[in-house]
Amino acid sequence: MGGGSAFFVESPCGVVYHTVRMRIPLTKYGLPQVVVYPLVILAAMVLYPALTRHFVPQGAILTFWAGEAVLLALLVWSLLFFRDPDRRPPQDVSLLLAPADGKITDVETLAETDLMPGPVLRVGIFLSIFNTHINRAPCDVTVEEITYREGRYVNALKPLAAKVNESNALALVRTAEPRDRLVVRQISGAVARRIVCAARKGQQLAGGEPFGMIKFGSRTELYLPADGDIECLVQVGDKVKAGVTPLARYKICRA
C-alpha cells in the first residue's frame, strides 16, 4: 500500500529529514496463526448461513448480518494484528528508539537490576491487542546474550507482570560510541502466550530492525544506563512507535 508522511528529528548531531511510507504486509513472526486464524474465520463466515438457518427466525435479516459483521470484524483484526508496517528509523546515532508500539506505562530509575549493572533507567511499554506487536532494535547493536525465563501470565498493565511473567531478555551492545550495554525485554501478558525472538547471539541488528514479536496483548521494556550523558525523551502516557519514536538521546554522540 502506498502513501506516506514526512517529519523532522532534531538531535545534537544535526537534523535528519526522512519519510515514512505506509504499507501493511504481514509479519513472518506471526506464523502459523497469521494463516490459520483468517482461514478459520473465513470458513465460519461461509458456514454461518447454513448453521444459523434453523436458529434465526425468517425475516430477522438484521440478526443474520450482525453475526456476519462480527466475523468480518474478527477477520480484519486478525490480519491487522500481524501487520508489519514499513518503518524508516531516524539516521541518528544519538537516539535510542522505541522497541515496540504502544503506550509508556513506566519510566523509573533502578539502583540495581539482575539484567545489567545499575543505576538503570527502565522504560516500560504496554502493547494492547490493537497495537503492532513487532519488536525492533533501539539502535545499531550486537546481540550479546539472550535469556528466556518461564513465568506467569499476569495482565501486562500491572507492574507485577514485569516481575513474574514469562519473558525474554536481549542483552545488546551499541556498535557506535559510547558502546553501552542495553537490554530489551519481551514480556508476555494475560492473553499473550507466545514470545517470538528470531535474533541470535552475536548477530548485528540495525536500529529499527525487527527481531521478533509477542503474540497478543503484552509488554516490552528497554533498560539503559541512567547517567548524565543520556536524556529521557518520554513520559508515562506517551504513545510510541517501534523504530521511529525516540525514547532517549545521548547528549554527546560519536559515530
C-alpha atoms as a PDB file:
ATOM      1  CA  MET A   1       0.000   0.000   0.000  1.00  0.00           C
ATOM      2  CA  GLY A   2       1.320   3.437  -0.892  1.00  0.00           C
ATOM      3  CA  GLY A   3       1.144   6.859   0.711  1.00  0.00           C
ATOM      4  CA  GLY A   4       3.315   8.380   3.417  1.00  0.00           C
ATOM      5  CA  SER A   5       4.208  11.263   5.678  1.00  0.00           C
ATOM      6  CA  ALA A   6       7.387  13.170   6.480  1.00  0.00           C
ATOM      7  CA  PHE A   7       8.798  14.707   9.637  1.00  0.00           C
ATOM      8  CA  PHE A   8      11.992  16.102  11.198  1.00  0.00           C
ATOM      9  CA  VAL A   9      14.022  14.652  14.050  1.00  0.00           C
ATOM     10  CA  GLU A  10      16.412  17.071  15.750  1.00  0.00           C
ATOM     11  CA  SER A  11      19.477  15.961  17.656  1.00  0.00           C
ATOM     12  CA  PRO A  12      22.804  17.343  18.925  1.00  0.00           C
ATOM     13  CA  CYS A  13      24.352  15.789  15.813  1.00  0.00           C
ATOM     14  CA  GLY A  14      22.127  17.615  13.322  1.00  0.00           C
ATOM     15  CA  VAL A  15      18.703  17.436  11.761  1.00  0.00           C
ATOM     16  CA  VAL A  16      17.522  14.402   9.829  1.00  0.00           C
ATOM     17  CA  TYR A  17      14.664  14.553   7.323  1.00  0.00           C
ATOM     18  CA  HIS A  18      13.034  11.351   6.250  1.00  0.00           C
ATOM     19  CA  THR A  19       9.775   9.873   5.023  1.00  0.00           C
ATOM     20  CA  VAL A  20       7.723   7.060   6.500  1.00  0.00           C
ATOM     21  CA  ARG A  21       5.988   5.068   3.759  1.00  0.00           C
ATOM     22  CA  MET A  22       2.793   3.382   4.840  1.00  0.00           C
ATOM     23  CA  ARG A  23       2.283  -0.217   3.763  1.00  0.00           C
ATOM     24  CA  ILE A  24       0.714  -3.165   5.544  1.00  0.00           C
ATOM     25  CA  PRO A  25       2.415  -6.510   4.851  1.00  0.00           C
ATOM     26  CA  LEU A  26       2.046  -9.402   7.290  1.00  0.00           C
ATOM     27  CA  THR A  27       4.907 -10.486   9.521  1.00  0.00           C
ATOM     28  CA  LYS A  28       6.617 -13.858   9.205  1.00  0.00           C
ATOM     29  CA  TYR A  29       6.797 -13.919  13.009  1.00  0.00           C
ATOM     30  CA  GLY A  30       3.018 -14.428  13.042  1.00  0.00           C
ATOM     31  CA  LEU A  31       3.170 -17.904  11.542  1.00  0.00           C
ATOM     32  CA  PRO A  32       1.229 -20.139  11.783  1.00  0.00           C
ATOM     33  CA  GLN A  33      -1.549 -18.022  13.332  1.00  0.00           C
ATOM     34  CA  VAL A  34      -1.438 -15.399  10.584  1.00  0.00           C
ATOM     35  CA  VAL A  35      -2.580 -18.121   8.173  1.00  0.00           C
ATOM     36  CA  VAL A  36      -4.696 -20.328  10.428  1.00  0.00           C
ATOM     37  CA  TYR A  37      -6.822 -17.655  12.121  1.00  0.00           C
ATOM     38  CA  PRO A  38      -8.054 -15.915   8.932  1.00  0.00           C
ATOM     39  CA  LEU A  39      -8.796 -19.291   7.295  1.00  0.00           C
ATOM     40  CA  VAL A  40     -10.837 -20.419  10.293  1.00  0.00           C
ATOM     41  CA  ILE A  41     -12.801 -17.162  10.350  1.00  0.00           C
ATOM     42  CA  LEU A  42     -13.407 -17.289   6.594  1.00  0.00           C
ATOM     43  CA  ALA A  43     -14.684 -20.838   6.964  1.00  0.00           C
ATOM     44  CA  ALA A  44     -17.010 -19.682   9.733  1.00  0.00           C
ATOM     45  CA  MET A  45     -18.334 -16.878   7.515  1.00  0.00           C
ATOM     46  CA  VAL A  46     -19.066 -19.349   4.735  1.00  0.00           C
ATOM     47  CA  LEU A  47     -20.754 -21.868   7.070  1.00  0.00           C
ATOM     48  CA  TYR A  48     -22.577 -19.256   9.134  1.00  0.00           C
ATOM     49  CA  PRO A  49     -25.696 -19.044   6.903  1.00  0.00           C
ATOM     50  CA  ALA A  50     -26.203 -22.807   6.981  1.00  0.00           C
ATOM     51  CA  LEU A  51     -25.532 -23.084  10.706  1.00  0.00           C
ATOM     52  CA  THR A  52     -27.914 -20.271  11.660  1.00  0.00           C
ATOM     53  CA  ARG A  53     -30.703 -21.116   9.243  1.00  0.00           C
ATOM     54  CA  HIS A  54     -32.503 -23.203  11.856  1.00  0.00           C
ATOM     55  CA  PHE A  55     -31.952 -20.764  14.739  1.00  0.00           C
ATOM     56  CA  VAL A  56     -32.508 -17.298  13.255  1.00  0.00           C
ATOM     57  CA  PRO A  57     -36.225 -16.603  12.544  1.00  0.00           C
ATOM     58  CA  GLN A  58     -37.122 -15.876   8.954  1.00  0.00           C
ATOM     59  CA  GLY A  59     -37.198 -12.146   8.368  1.00  0.00           C
ATOM     60  CA  ALA A  60     -34.605 -11.435  11.077  1.00  0.00           C
ATOM     61  CA  ILE A  61     -32.180 -10.223   8.451  1.00  0.00           C
ATOM     62  CA  LEU A  62     -30.512  -7.755  10.811  1.00  0.00           C
ATOM     63  CA  THR A  63     -29.668 -10.551  13.238  1.00  0.00           C
ATOM     64  CA  PHE A  64     -28.069 -12.540  10.442  1.00  0.00           C
ATOM     65  CA  TRP A  65     -25.957  -9.668   9.139  1.00  0.00           C
ATOM     66  CA  ALA A  66     -24.928  -8.699  12.661  1.00  0.00           C
ATOM     67  CA  GLY A  67     -23.340 -12.118  13.040  1.00  0.00           C
ATOM     68  CA  GLU A  68     -21.555 -11.810   9.702  1.00  0.00           C
ATOM     69  CA  ALA A  69     -20.361  -8.329  10.683  1.00  0.00           C
ATOM     70  CA  VAL A  70     -18.823  -9.686  13.886  1.00  0.00           C
ATOM     71  CA  LEU A  71     -16.991 -12.385  11.941  1.00  0.00           C
ATOM     72  CA  LEU A  72     -15.796  -9.814   9.404  1.00  0.00           C
ATOM     73  CA  ALA A  73     -14.500  -7.583  12.211  1.00  0.00           C
ATOM     74  CA  LEU A  74     -12.609 -10.557  13.674  1.00  0.00           C
ATOM     75  CA  LEU A  75     -11.122 -11.292  10.257  1.00  0.00           C
ATOM     76  CA  VAL A  76      -9.910  -7.721   9.814  1.00  0.00           C
ATOM     77  CA  TRP A  77      -8.486  -7.646  13.343  1.00  0.00           C
ATOM     78  CA  SER A  78      -6.669 -10.961  12.887  1.00  0.00           C
ATOM     79  CA  LEU A  79      -4.912  -9.545   9.820  1.00  0.00           C
ATOM     80  CA  LEU A  80      -4.175  -6.138  11.363  1.00  0.00           C
ATOM     81  CA  PHE A  81      -2.694  -7.709  14.475  1.00  0.00           C
ATOM     82  CA  PHE A  82       0.020  -9.386  12.406  1.00  0.00           C
ATOM     83  CA  ARG A  83       0.730  -6.348  10.243  1.00  0.00           C
ATOM     84  CA  ASP A  84       4.348  -5.340   9.727  1.00  0.00           C
ATOM     85  CA  PRO A  85       4.308  -1.673   8.632  1.00  0.00           C
ATOM     86  CA  ASP A  86       7.297  -0.209   6.854  1.00  0.00           C
ATOM     87  CA  ARG A  87       9.310   1.940   9.249  1.00  0.00           C
ATOM     88  CA  ARG A  88      12.104   4.363   8.360  1.00  0.00           C
ATOM     89  CA  PRO A  89      14.184   4.881  11.545  1.00  0.00           C
ATOM     90  CA  PRO A  90      15.894   8.258  12.110  1.00  0.00           C
ATOM     91  CA  GLN A  91      19.520   8.047  10.981  1.00  0.00           C
ATOM     92  CA  ASP A  92      20.907   9.498  14.203  1.00  0.00           C
ATOM     93  CA  VAL A  93      23.368   7.565  16.389  1.00  0.00           C
ATOM     94  CA  SER A  94      22.460   9.672  19.430  1.00  0.00           C
ATOM     95  CA  LEU A  95      18.915   8.242  19.635  1.00  0.00           C
ATOM     96  CA  LEU A  96      17.551   5.155  21.346  1.00  0.00           C
ATOM     97  CA  LEU A  97      14.297   4.230  19.623  1.00  0.00           C
ATOM     98  CA  ALA A  98      11.184   2.542  20.970  1.00  0.00           C
ATOM     99  CA  PRO A  99      11.484  -1.257  20.714  1.00  0.00           C
ATOM    100  CA  ALA A 100       7.688  -1.649  20.486  1.00  0.00           C
ATOM    101  CA  ASP A 101       4.473   0.162  19.596  1.00  0.00           C
ATOM    102  CA  GLY A 102       2.202   1.076  22.486  1.00  0.00           C
ATOM    103  CA  LYS A 103       1.836   3.340  25.498  1.00  0.00           C
ATOM    104  CA  ILE A 104       4.523   4.269  28.021  1.00  0.00           C
ATOM    105  CA  THR A 105       3.491   2.879  31.408  1.00  0.00           C
ATOM    106  CA  ASP A 106       6.761   3.102  33.350  1.00  0.00           C
ATOM    107  CA  VAL A 107       9.735   5.449  33.442  1.00  0.00           C
ATOM    108  CA  GLU A 108      11.839   4.789  36.503  1.00  0.00           C
ATOM    109  CA  THR A 109      15.424   4.655  37.706  1.00  0.00           C
ATOM    110  CA  LEU A 110      16.532   1.467  39.437  1.00  0.00           C
ATOM    111  CA  ALA A 111      19.502   1.285  41.766  1.00  0.00           C
ATOM    112  CA  GLU A 112      20.248  -2.215  40.531  1.00  0.00           C
ATOM    113  CA  THR A 113      18.831  -4.981  38.379  1.00  0.00           C
ATOM    114  CA  ASP A 114      19.786  -8.533  37.508  1.00  0.00           C
ATOM    115  CA  LEU A 115      19.737  -7.589  33.812  1.00  0.00           C
ATOM    116  CA  MET A 116      22.552  -5.006  33.876  1.00  0.00           C
ATOM    117  CA  PRO A 117      24.640  -3.015  36.391  1.00  0.00           C
ATOM    118  CA  GLY A 118      22.896  -0.019  37.965  1.00  0.00           C
ATOM    119  CA  PRO A 119      21.851   2.658  38.083  1.00  0.00           C
ATOM    120  CA  VAL A 120      19.454   1.756  35.286  1.00  0.00           C
ATOM    121  CA  LEU A 121      16.634   3.644  33.575  1.00  0.00           C
ATOM    122  CA  ARG A 122      13.720   1.332  32.772  1.00  0.00           C
ATOM    123  CA  VAL A 123      11.118   2.380  30.211  1.00  0.00           C
ATOM    124  CA  GLY A 124       8.070   0.121  30.015  1.00  0.00           C
ATOM    125  CA  ILE A 125       5.694  -0.053  27.025  1.00  0.00           C
ATOM    126  CA  PHE A 126       2.262  -1.705  27.124  1.00  0.00           C
ATOM    127  CA  LEU A 127       1.037  -3.215  23.849  1.00  0.00           C
ATOM    128  CA  SER A 128      -2.727  -3.588  23.535  1.00  0.00           C
ATOM    129  CA  ILE A 129      -4.352  -6.088  21.176  1.00  0.00           C
ATOM    130  CA  PHE A 130      -4.739  -3.253  18.663  1.00  0.00           C
ATOM    131  CA  ASN A 131      -1.043  -2.341  18.507  1.00  0.00           C
ATOM    132  CA  THR A 132       1.508  -3.699  16.063  1.00  0.00           C
ATOM    133  CA  HIS A 133       3.394  -6.323  18.070  1.00  0.00           C
ATOM    134  CA  ILE A 134       6.693  -6.348  16.167  1.00  0.00           C
ATOM    135  CA  ASN A 135       9.761  -5.770  18.366  1.00  0.00           C
ATOM    136  CA  ARG A 136      12.632  -3.714  16.922  1.00  0.00           C
ATOM    137  CA  ALA A 137      16.211  -2.881  17.874  1.00  0.00           C
ATOM    138  CA  PRO A 138      16.570   0.505  19.648  1.00  0.00           C
ATOM    139  CA  CYS A 139      19.753   1.392  17.716  1.00  0.00           C
ATOM    140  CA  ASP A 140      22.607  -0.337  15.861  1.00  0.00           C
ATOM    141  CA  VAL A 141      23.609  -3.144  18.224  1.00  0.00           C
ATOM    142  CA  THR A 142      25.268  -6.525  18.585  1.00  0.00           C
ATOM    143  CA  VAL A 143      23.291  -9.205  20.421  1.00  0.00           C
ATOM    144  CA  GLU A 144      25.456 -10.190  23.378  1.00  0.00           C
ATOM    145  CA  GLU A 145      23.154 -12.618  25.153  1.00  0.00           C
ATOM    146  CA  ILE A 146      19.534 -13.853  25.117  1.00  0.00           C
ATOM    147  CA  THR A 147      17.899 -15.063  28.326  1.00  0.00           C
ATOM    148  CA  TYR A 148      14.467 -16.712  28.333  1.00  0.00           C
ATOM    149  CA  ARG A 149      12.586 -17.102  31.608  1.00  0.00           C
ATOM    150  CA  GLU A 150       9.416 -19.067  32.215  1.00  0.00           C
ATOM    151  CA  GLY A 151       6.728 -17.376  34.270  1.00  0.00           C
ATOM    152  CA  ARG A 152       3.105 -16.464  34.821  1.00  0.00           C
ATOM    153  CA  TYR A 153       0.649 -14.563  32.610  1.00  0.00           C
ATOM    154  CA  VAL A 154      -0.442 -11.595  34.731  1.00  0.00           C
ATOM    155  CA  ASN A 155      -2.165  -8.671  32.975  1.00  0.00           C
ATOM    156  CA  ALA A 156       0.682  -6.772  31.266  1.00  0.00           C
ATOM    157  CA  LEU A 157      -0.719  -3.433  32.521  1.00  0.00           C
ATOM    158  CA  LYS A 158       0.080  -4.389  36.115  1.00  0.00           C
ATOM    159  CA  PRO A 159       3.602  -3.646  37.447  1.00  0.00           C
ATOM    160  CA  LEU A 160       3.686  -7.190  38.839  1.00  0.00           C
ATOM    161  CA  ALA A 161       3.784  -8.533  35.267  1.00  0.00           C
ATOM    162  CA  ALA A 162       7.341  -7.260  34.806  1.00  0.00           C
ATOM    163  CA  LYS A 163       8.474  -9.336  37.794  1.00  0.00           C
ATOM    164  CA  VAL A 164       6.623 -12.635  37.434  1.00  0.00           C
ATOM    165  CA  ASN A 165       5.571 -13.103  33.790  1.00  0.00           C
ATOM    166  CA  GLU A 166       7.231 -15.172  31.085  1.00  0.00           C
ATOM    167  CA  SER A 167       9.940 -13.058  29.488  1.00  0.00           C
ATOM    168  CA  ASN A 168      12.808 -12.972  27.032  1.00  0.00           C
ATOM    169  CA  ALA A 169      15.669 -10.517  27.595  1.00  0.00           C
ATOM    170  CA  LEU A 170      18.102  -9.470  24.874  1.00  0.00           C
ATOM    171  CA  ALA A 171      21.374  -8.017  26.167  1.00  0.00           C
ATOM    172  CA  LEU A 172      22.642  -5.659  23.458  1.00  0.00           C
ATOM    173  CA  VAL A 173      25.823  -3.646  22.947  1.00  0.00           C
ATOM    174  CA  ARG A 174      25.775  -0.462  20.885  1.00  0.00           C
ATOM    175  CA  THR A 175      28.035  -0.536  17.833  1.00  0.00           C
ATOM    176  CA  ALA A 176      28.522   3.264  17.980  1.00  0.00           C
ATOM    177  CA  GLU A 177      30.199   5.155  20.794  1.00  0.00           C
ATOM    178  CA  PRO A 178      29.515   5.084  23.629  1.00  0.00           C
ATOM    179  CA  ARG A 179      29.338   1.304  23.429  1.00  0.00           C
ATOM    180  CA  ASP A 180      26.870   0.967  26.252  1.00  0.00           C
ATOM    181  CA  ARG A 181      25.028  -2.192  27.184  1.00  0.00           C
ATOM    182  CA  LEU A 182      21.265  -2.079  26.701  1.00  0.00           C
ATOM    183  CA  VAL A 183      18.534  -4.623  27.365  1.00  0.00           C
ATOM    184  CA  VAL A 184      15.258  -5.110  25.509  1.00  0.00           C
ATOM    185  CA  ARG A 185      12.892  -7.356  27.430  1.00  0.00           C
ATOM    186  CA  GLN A 186       9.874  -9.044  25.840  1.00  0.00           C
ATOM    187  CA  ILE A 187       7.208  -9.865  28.445  1.00  0.00           C
ATOM    188  CA  SER A 188       4.057 -11.901  27.899  1.00  0.00           C
ATOM    189  CA  GLY A 189       0.659 -10.763  29.200  1.00  0.00           C
ATOM    190  CA  ALA A 190      -2.609 -12.314  30.329  1.00  0.00           C
ATOM    191  CA  VAL A 191      -3.577 -13.071  26.726  1.00  0.00           C
ATOM    192  CA  ALA A 192      -0.125 -13.364  25.142  1.00  0.00           C
ATOM    193  CA  ARG A 193       1.228 -16.900  25.391  1.00  0.00           C
ATOM    194  CA  ARG A 194       3.916 -16.849  22.737  1.00  0.00           C
ATOM    195  CA  ILE A 195       7.140 -14.831  22.627  1.00  0.00           C
ATOM    196  CA  VAL A 196       8.918 -14.968  19.274  1.00  0.00           C
ATOM    197  CA  CYS A 197      12.600 -13.995  19.034  1.00  0.00           C
ATOM    198  CA  ALA A 198      14.475 -14.564  15.781  1.00  0.00           C
ATOM    199  CA  ALA A 199      17.670 -12.831  16.978  1.00  0.00           C
ATOM    200  CA  ARG A 200      20.756 -14.902  17.721  1.00  0.00           C
ATOM    201  CA  LYS A 201      23.772 -14.355  19.955  1.00  0.00           C
ATOM    202  CA  GLY A 202      26.461 -12.431  18.073  1.00  0.00           C
ATOM    203  CA  GLN A 203      24.023 -11.109  15.457  1.00  0.00           C
ATOM    204  CA  GLN A 204      24.185  -7.443  14.486  1.00  0.00           C
ATOM    205  CA  LEU A 205      20.911  -5.533  14.254  1.00  0.00           C
ATOM    206  CA  ALA A 206      20.397  -2.121  12.686  1.00  0.00           C
ATOM    207  CA  GLY A 207      18.384   0.493  14.558  1.00  0.00           C
ATOM    208  CA  GLY A 208      14.694  -0.185  13.941  1.00  0.00           C
ATOM    209  CA  GLU A 209      15.318  -3.676  12.532  1.00  0.00           C
ATOM    210  CA  PRO A 210      12.641  -6.239  13.551  1.00  0.00           C
ATOM    211  CA  PHE A 211      13.815  -9.214  15.576  1.00  0.00           C
ATOM    212  CA  GLY A 212      10.596 -10.792  16.853  1.00  0.00           C
ATOM    213  CA  MET A 213       7.160 -10.209  18.346  1.00  0.00           C
ATOM    214  CA  ILE A 214       4.867 -11.071  21.251  1.00  0.00           C
ATOM    215  CA  LYS A 215       1.576 -12.550  20.131  1.00  0.00           C
ATOM    216  CA  PHE A 216      -1.385 -10.623  21.608  1.00  0.00           C
ATOM    217  CA  GLY A 217      -1.519  -8.089  24.472  1.00  0.00           C
ATOM    218  CA  SER A 218       1.891  -7.802  26.095  1.00  0.00           C
ATOM    219  CA  ARG A 219       4.706  -5.602  27.363  1.00  0.00           C
ATOM    220  CA  THR A 220       8.189  -4.571  26.205  1.00  0.00           C
ATOM    221  CA  GLU A 221      10.844  -2.840  28.310  1.00  0.00           C
ATOM    222  CA  LEU A 222      14.042  -1.001  27.442  1.00  0.00           C
ATOM    223  CA  TYR A 223      16.835  -0.839  30.043  1.00  0.00           C
ATOM    224  CA  LEU A 224      19.601   1.723  29.574  1.00  0.00           C
ATOM    225  CA  PRO A 225      22.273   3.371  31.723  1.00  0.00           C
ATOM    226  CA  ALA A 226      20.888   6.113  33.985  1.00  0.00           C
ATOM    227  CA  ASP A 227      23.612   8.721  33.822  1.00  0.00           C
ATOM    228  CA  GLY A 228      24.046  12.359  32.908  1.00  0.00           C
ATOM    229  CA  ASP A 229      25.000  11.549  29.311  1.00  0.00           C
ATOM    230  CA  ILE A 230      21.511  10.276  28.416  1.00  0.00           C
ATOM    231  CA  GLU A 231      18.303  12.319  28.324  1.00  0.00           C
ATOM    232  CA  CYS A 232      14.926  10.569  28.575  1.00  0.00           C
ATOM    233  CA  LEU A 233      12.510  11.944  25.954  1.00  0.00           C
ATOM    234  CA  VAL A 234       9.232  10.274  27.014  1.00  0.00           C
ATOM    235  CA  GLN A 235       6.920  10.205  29.985  1.00  0.00           C
ATOM    236  CA  VAL A 236       4.131   7.964  31.264  1.00  0.00           C
ATOM    237  CA  GLY A 237       1.110   8.118  28.962  1.00  0.00           C
ATOM    238  CA  ASP A 238       3.027   8.870  25.755  1.00  0.00           C
ATOM    239  CA  LYS A 239       2.241   6.740  22.714  1.00  0.00           C
ATOM    240  CA  VAL A 240       5.238   5.434  20.783  1.00  0.00           C
ATOM    241  CA  LYS A 241       6.015   3.573  17.562  1.00  0.00           C
ATOM    242  CA  ALA A 242       8.739   0.960  17.311  1.00  0.00           C
ATOM    243  CA  GLY A 243      11.772   2.001  15.312  1.00  0.00           C
ATOM    244  CA  VAL A 244      10.514   5.571  14.920  1.00  0.00           C
ATOM    245  CA  THR A 245       9.840   7.266  18.274  1.00  0.00           C
ATOM    246  CA  PRO A 246      12.982   8.274  20.233  1.00  0.00           C
ATOM    247  CA  LEU A 247      12.824   7.191  23.892  1.00  0.00           C
ATOM    248  CA  ALA A 248      16.164   8.642  24.907  1.00  0.00           C
ATOM    249  CA  ARG A 249      19.045  10.627  23.465  1.00  0.00           C
ATOM    250  CA  TYR A 250      22.767  10.778  24.130  1.00  0.00           C
ATOM    251  CA  LYS A 251      23.839  14.362  24.776  1.00  0.00           C
ATOM    252  CA  ILE A 252      27.217  13.573  23.206  1.00  0.00           C
ATOM    253  CA  CYS A 253      27.174  11.279  20.189  1.00  0.00           C
ATOM    254  CA  ARG A 254      30.089   9.753  18.346  1.00  0.00           C
ATOM    255  CA  ALA A 255      29.958   7.509  15.278  1.00  0.00           C
END
